[in-house]
Amino acid sequence: MTQSTDLHGTSGFQRVLVGVDFSASSAAALALARARFPGATRRLVHVTDARVTAAPDLMGGVTPALPDPTLLHTLESADGQRLTREVQPGEEQELMVGDPVTGLLDAARAWGADLIVVGTHAQGAIEHFFVGSTAEKIVARSPIPVLTVRAGQ
């Protein structure tokens, strides 16, 4: 069975997970999800990036540093407050800590989402080569449809 959407925003998508990272692209993705899927149950998910305590290495990966529990707790608390301010009545929210790609995909699977909506960010060539795009990785790994949104489009 295929999902269909008309120009008025009706679709077969009933459970729409929106990845929120508080960027302009994320805000655009959330606005589009609200406009295009008004009848769907929406869950806003933010993953506090636990890699914040990692350092880039010369091979293009990251070398994990010892996690600083105080720093992660502070970031998680601040992110939780920001996420709560984004949620509108009737929407659900989920805050996670870890790798954003894995976290969003795990949250979508566990919740039974039938669509993931995420913002895309413009990156420089070097940054894209070394770390890649979170949205790109989600599209590549997701077993369910992913809608990517760039701010200003």
C-alpha atoms as a PDB file:
ATOM      1  CA  MET A   1       0.000   0.000   0.000  1.00  0.00           C
ATOM      2  CA  THR A   2       1.396   3.399  -0.925  1.00  0.00           C
ATOM      3  CA  GLN A   3       0.916   6.621   0.968  1.00  0.00           C
ATOM      4  CA  SER A   4      -0.720   9.426  -0.982  1.00  0.00           C
ATOM      5  CA  THR A   5      -0.913  13.119  -0.282  1.00  0.00           C
ATOM      6  CA  ASP A   6      -2.992  15.783  -1.949  1.00  0.00           C
ATOM      7  CA  LEU A   7      -2.313  19.520  -1.943  1.00  0.00           C
ATOM      8  CA  HIS A   8      -4.651  20.066   0.991  1.00  0.00           C
ATOM      9  CA  GLY A   9      -2.521  18.099   3.433  1.00  0.00           C
ATOM     10  CA  THR A  10      -4.534  14.932   3.810  1.00  0.00           C
ATOM     11  CA  SER A  11      -2.497  11.783   3.745  1.00  0.00           C
ATOM     12  CA  GLY A  12      -2.292   8.235   4.942  1.00  0.00           C
ATOM     13  CA  PHE A  13       0.301   9.282   7.533  1.00  0.00           C
ATOM     14  CA  GLN A  14      -1.197   9.007  11.011  1.00  0.00           C
ATOM     15  CA  ARG A  15       1.927   9.013  13.214  1.00  0.00           C
ATOM     16  CA  VAL A  16       4.450  11.667  12.220  1.00  0.00           C
ATOM     17  CA  LEU A  17       7.722  11.892  14.106  1.00  0.00           C
ATOM     18  CA  VAL A  18       9.479  15.253  13.787  1.00  0.00           C
ATOM     19  CA  GLY A  19      13.186  15.480  14.596  1.00  0.00           C
ATOM     20  CA  VAL A  20      13.836  18.726  16.472  1.00  0.00           C
ATOM     21  CA  ASP A  21      17.325  20.200  16.872  1.00  0.00           C
ATOM     22  CA  PHE A  22      16.270  23.846  17.381  1.00  0.00           C
ATOM     23  CA  SER A  23      17.804  25.022  14.077  1.00  0.00           C
ATOM     24  CA  ALA A  24      16.047  27.057  11.371  1.00  0.00           C
ATOM     25  CA  SER A  25      15.770  23.897   9.258  1.00  0.00           C
ATOM     26  CA  SER A  26      14.216  22.030  12.166  1.00  0.00           C
ATOM     27  CA  ALA A  27      11.692  24.852  12.675  1.00  0.00           C
ATOM     28  CA  ALA A  28      10.825  24.681   8.966  1.00  0.00           C
ATOM     29  CA  ALA A  29      10.369  20.900   9.203  1.00  0.00           C
ATOM     30  CA  LEU A  30       8.086  21.267  12.214  1.00  0.00           C
ATOM     31  CA  ALA A  31       6.017  24.000  10.551  1.00  0.00           C
ATOM     32  CA  LEU A  32       5.638  21.880   7.417  1.00  0.00           C
ATOM     33  CA  ALA A  33       4.628  18.793   9.438  1.00  0.00           C
ATOM     34  CA  ARG A  34       1.983  20.819  11.241  1.00  0.00           C
ATOM     35  CA  ALA A  35       0.653  22.325   7.999  1.00  0.00           C
ATOM     36  CA  ARG A  36       0.752  19.196   5.813  1.00  0.00           C
ATOM     37  CA  PHE A  37      -0.356  16.612   8.382  1.00  0.00           C
ATOM     38  CA  PRO A  38      -2.815  18.441  10.665  1.00  0.00           C
ATOM     39  CA  GLY A  39      -4.829  15.325  11.499  1.00  0.00           C
ATOM     40  CA  ALA A  40      -1.836  13.151  12.313  1.00  0.00           C
ATOM     41  CA  THR A  41      -0.508  12.485  15.773  1.00  0.00           C
ATOM     42  CA  ARG A  42       2.824  14.285  15.916  1.00  0.00           C
ATOM     43  CA  ARG A  43       5.700  13.420  18.212  1.00  0.00           C
ATOM     44  CA  LEU A  44       8.550  15.914  18.511  1.00  0.00           C
ATOM     45  CA  VAL A  45      11.811  14.132  19.294  1.00  0.00           C
ATOM     46  CA  HIS A  46      15.089  15.737  20.285  1.00  0.00           C
ATOM     47  CA  VAL A  47      18.270  13.772  20.830  1.00  0.00           C
ATOM     48  CA  THR A  48      20.842  15.519  22.996  1.00  0.00           C
ATOM     49  CA  ASP A  49      24.034  14.608  21.182  1.00  0.00           C
ATOM     50  CA  ALA A  50      26.191  12.589  23.584  1.00  0.00           C
ATOM     51  CA  ARG A  51      29.064  12.979  21.125  1.00  0.00           C
ATOM     52  CA  VAL A  52      29.514  16.525  22.399  1.00  0.00           C
ATOM     53  CA  THR A  53      32.337  15.203  24.561  1.00  0.00           C
ATOM     54  CA  ALA A  54      34.115  13.543  21.605  1.00  0.00           C
ATOM     55  CA  ALA A  55      36.969  15.041  19.593  1.00  0.00           C
ATOM     56  CA  PRO A  56      37.557  14.653  15.843  1.00  0.00           C
ATOM     57  CA  ASP A  57      40.443  12.402  14.885  1.00  0.00           C
ATOM     58  CA  LEU A  58      42.704  12.517  11.842  1.00  0.00           C
ATOM     59  CA  MET A  59      40.957   9.595  10.140  1.00  0.00           C
ATOM     60  CA  GLY A  60      37.646  11.468   9.851  1.00  0.00           C
ATOM     61  CA  GLY A  61      35.928   9.875  12.833  1.00  0.00           C
ATOM     62  CA  VAL A  62      35.692  10.911  16.434  1.00  0.00           C
ATOM     63  CA  THR A  63      37.609   9.810  19.460  1.00  0.00           C
ATOM     64  CA  PRO A  64      35.303   9.484  22.437  1.00  0.00           C
ATOM     65  CA  ALA A  65      36.342  11.377  25.490  1.00  0.00           C
ATOM     66  CA  LEU A  66      35.205  10.300  28.906  1.00  0.00           C
ATOM     67  CA  PRO A  67      31.597  11.458  29.077  1.00  0.00           C
ATOM     68  CA  ASP A  68      31.106  14.323  31.444  1.00  0.00           C
ATOM     69  CA  PRO A  69      27.853  13.444  33.232  1.00  0.00           C
ATOM     70  CA  THR A  70      27.448  16.990  34.519  1.00  0.00           C
ATOM     71  CA  LEU A  71      27.750  18.475  31.029  1.00  0.00           C
ATOM     72  CA  LEU A  72      25.341  15.927  29.525  1.00  0.00           C
ATOM     73  CA  HIS A  73      22.829  16.485  32.336  1.00  0.00           C
ATOM     74  CA  THR A  74      23.012  20.261  31.852  1.00  0.00           C
ATOM     75  CA  LEU A  75      22.564  19.932  28.088  1.00  0.00           C
ATOM     76  CA  GLU A  76      19.702  17.467  28.491  1.00  0.00           C
ATOM     77  CA  SER A  77      17.934  19.730  30.970  1.00  0.00           C
ATOM     78  CA  ALA A  78      18.292  22.801  28.722  1.00  0.00           C
ATOM     79  CA  ASP A  79      17.203  20.822  25.650  1.00  0.00           C
ATOM     80  CA  GLY A  80      14.185  19.456  27.538  1.00  0.00           C
ATOM     81  CA  GLN A  81      13.060  22.968  28.421  1.00  0.00           C
ATOM     82  CA  ARG A  82      13.465  24.122  24.811  1.00  0.00           C
ATOM     83  CA  LEU A  83      11.558  21.100  23.513  1.00  0.00           C
ATOM     84  CA  THR A  84       8.687  21.696  25.926  1.00  0.00           C
ATOM     85  CA  ARG A  85       8.360  25.264  24.580  1.00  0.00           C
ATOM     86  CA  GLU A  86       8.073  23.907  21.007  1.00  0.00           C
ATOM     87  CA  VAL A  87       5.251  21.455  21.722  1.00  0.00           C
ATOM     88  CA  GLN A  88       1.712  22.543  20.899  1.00  0.00           C
ATOM     89  CA  PRO A  89      -1.453  21.099  22.441  1.00  0.00           C
ATOM     90  CA  GLY A  90      -2.130  17.603  21.125  1.00  0.00           C
ATOM     91  CA  GLU A  91       1.518  16.935  20.276  1.00  0.00           C
ATOM     92  CA  GLU A  92       3.758  14.494  22.095  1.00  0.00           C
ATOM     93  CA  GLN A  93       7.413  14.938  22.944  1.00  0.00           C
ATOM     94  CA  GLU A  94      10.379  12.717  23.624  1.00  0.00           C
ATOM     95  CA  LEU A  95      13.859  13.669  24.786  1.00  0.00           C
ATOM     96  CA  MET A  96      16.749  11.251  24.335  1.00  0.00           C
ATOM     97  CA  VAL A  97      20.523  11.295  24.812  1.00  0.00           C
ATOM     98  CA  GLY A  98      22.863   9.616  22.341  1.00  0.00           C
ATOM     99  CA  ASP A  99      23.593   9.652  18.640  1.00  0.00           C
ATOM    100  CA  PRO A 100      20.904  11.720  16.840  1.00  0.00           C
ATOM    101  CA  VAL A 101      20.572   9.364  13.855  1.00  0.00           C
ATOM    102  CA  THR A 102      20.231   6.193  15.919  1.00  0.00           C
ATOM    103  CA  GLY A 103      18.042   7.958  18.476  1.00  0.00           C
ATOM    104  CA  LEU A 104      15.549   9.269  15.936  1.00  0.00           C
ATOM    105  CA  LEU A 105      15.344   5.929  14.137  1.00  0.00           C
ATOM    106  CA  ASP A 106      14.911   4.035  17.414  1.00  0.00           C
ATOM    107  CA  ALA A 107      12.227   6.482  18.568  1.00  0.00           C
ATOM    108  CA  ALA A 108      10.367   6.168  15.259  1.00  0.00           C
ATOM    109  CA  ARG A 109      10.438   2.364  15.415  1.00  0.00           C
ATOM    110  CA  ALA A 110       9.414   2.155  19.084  1.00  0.00           C
ATOM    111  CA  TRP A 111       6.557   4.634  18.634  1.00  0.00           C
ATOM    112  CA  GLY A 112       5.340   3.110  15.369  1.00  0.00           C
ATOM    113  CA  ALA A 113       5.809   6.248  13.263  1.00  0.00           C
ATOM    114  CA  ASP A 114       4.823   5.999   9.632  1.00  0.00           C
ATOM    115  CA  LEU A 115       6.712   9.158   8.589  1.00  0.00           C
ATOM    116  CA  ILE A 116       9.828  10.950   9.866  1.00  0.00           C
ATOM    117  CA  VAL A 117      10.203  14.674   9.136  1.00  0.00           C
ATOM    118  CA  VAL A 118      13.632  16.268   9.611  1.00  0.00           C
ATOM    119  CA  GLY A 119      15.347  19.485   8.626  1.00  0.00           C
ATOM    120  CA  THR A 120      18.459  19.524   6.479  1.00  0.00           C
ATOM    121  CA  HIS A 121      21.404  21.838   7.013  1.00  0.00           C
ATOM    122  CA  ALA A 122      23.707  23.355   4.461  1.00  0.00           C
ATOM    123  CA  GLN A 123      27.232  22.138   5.204  1.00  0.00           C
ATOM    124  CA  GLY A 124      30.623  22.944   3.833  1.00  0.00           C
ATOM    125  CA  ALA A 125      32.283  20.263   1.703  1.00  0.00           C
ATOM    126  CA  ILE A 126      34.867  19.416   4.355  1.00  0.00           C
ATOM    127  CA  GLU A 127      32.303  19.103   7.156  1.00  0.00           C
ATOM    128  CA  HIS A 128      30.077  16.936   4.949  1.00  0.00           C
ATOM    129  CA  PHE A 129      33.022  14.696   4.007  1.00  0.00           C
ATOM    130  CA  PHE A 130      34.046  14.124   7.629  1.00  0.00           C
ATOM    131  CA  VAL A 131      30.736  13.886   9.448  1.00  0.00           C
ATOM    132  CA  GLY A 132      28.082  13.618   6.751  1.00  0.00           C
ATOM    133  CA  SER A 133      24.537  14.823   7.062  1.00  0.00           C
ATOM    134  CA  THR A 134      22.287  13.584   9.856  1.00  0.00           C
ATOM    135  CA  ALA A 135      19.274  13.834   7.527  1.00  0.00           C
ATOM    136  CA  GLU A 136      21.154  11.940   4.815  1.00  0.00           C
ATOM    137  CA  LYS A 137      21.995   9.136   7.242  1.00  0.00           C
ATOM    138  CA  ILE A 138      18.396   8.944   8.449  1.00  0.00           C
ATOM    139  CA  VAL A 139      17.149   8.669   4.854  1.00  0.00           C
ATOM    140  CA  ALA A 140      19.689   5.934   4.109  1.00  0.00           C
ATOM    141  CA  ARG A 141      18.905   3.860   7.206  1.00  0.00           C
ATOM    142  CA  SER A 142      15.178   4.383   7.729  1.00  0.00           C
ATOM    143  CA  PRO A 143      12.749   1.594   6.870  1.00  0.00           C
ATOM    144  CA  ILE A 144       9.901   4.158   6.820  1.00  0.00           C
ATOM    145  CA  PRO A 145       9.475   7.247   4.616  1.00  0.00           C
ATOM    146  CA  VAL A 146      11.507  10.344   5.506  1.00  0.00           C
ATOM    147  CA  LEU A 147      10.595  13.876   4.468  1.00  0.00           C
ATOM    148  CA  THR A 148      13.534  16.291   4.547  1.00  0.00           C
ATOM    149  CA  VAL A 149      12.970  20.049   4.726  1.00  0.00           C
ATOM    150  CA  ARG A 150      15.456  22.865   4.203  1.00  0.00           C
ATOM    151  CA  ALA A 151      14.756  26.277   5.735  1.00  0.00           C
ATOM    152  CA  GLY A 152      13.762  28.885   3.181  1.00  0.00           C
ATOM    153  CA  GLN A 153      12.297  26.426   0.666  1.00  0.00           C
END
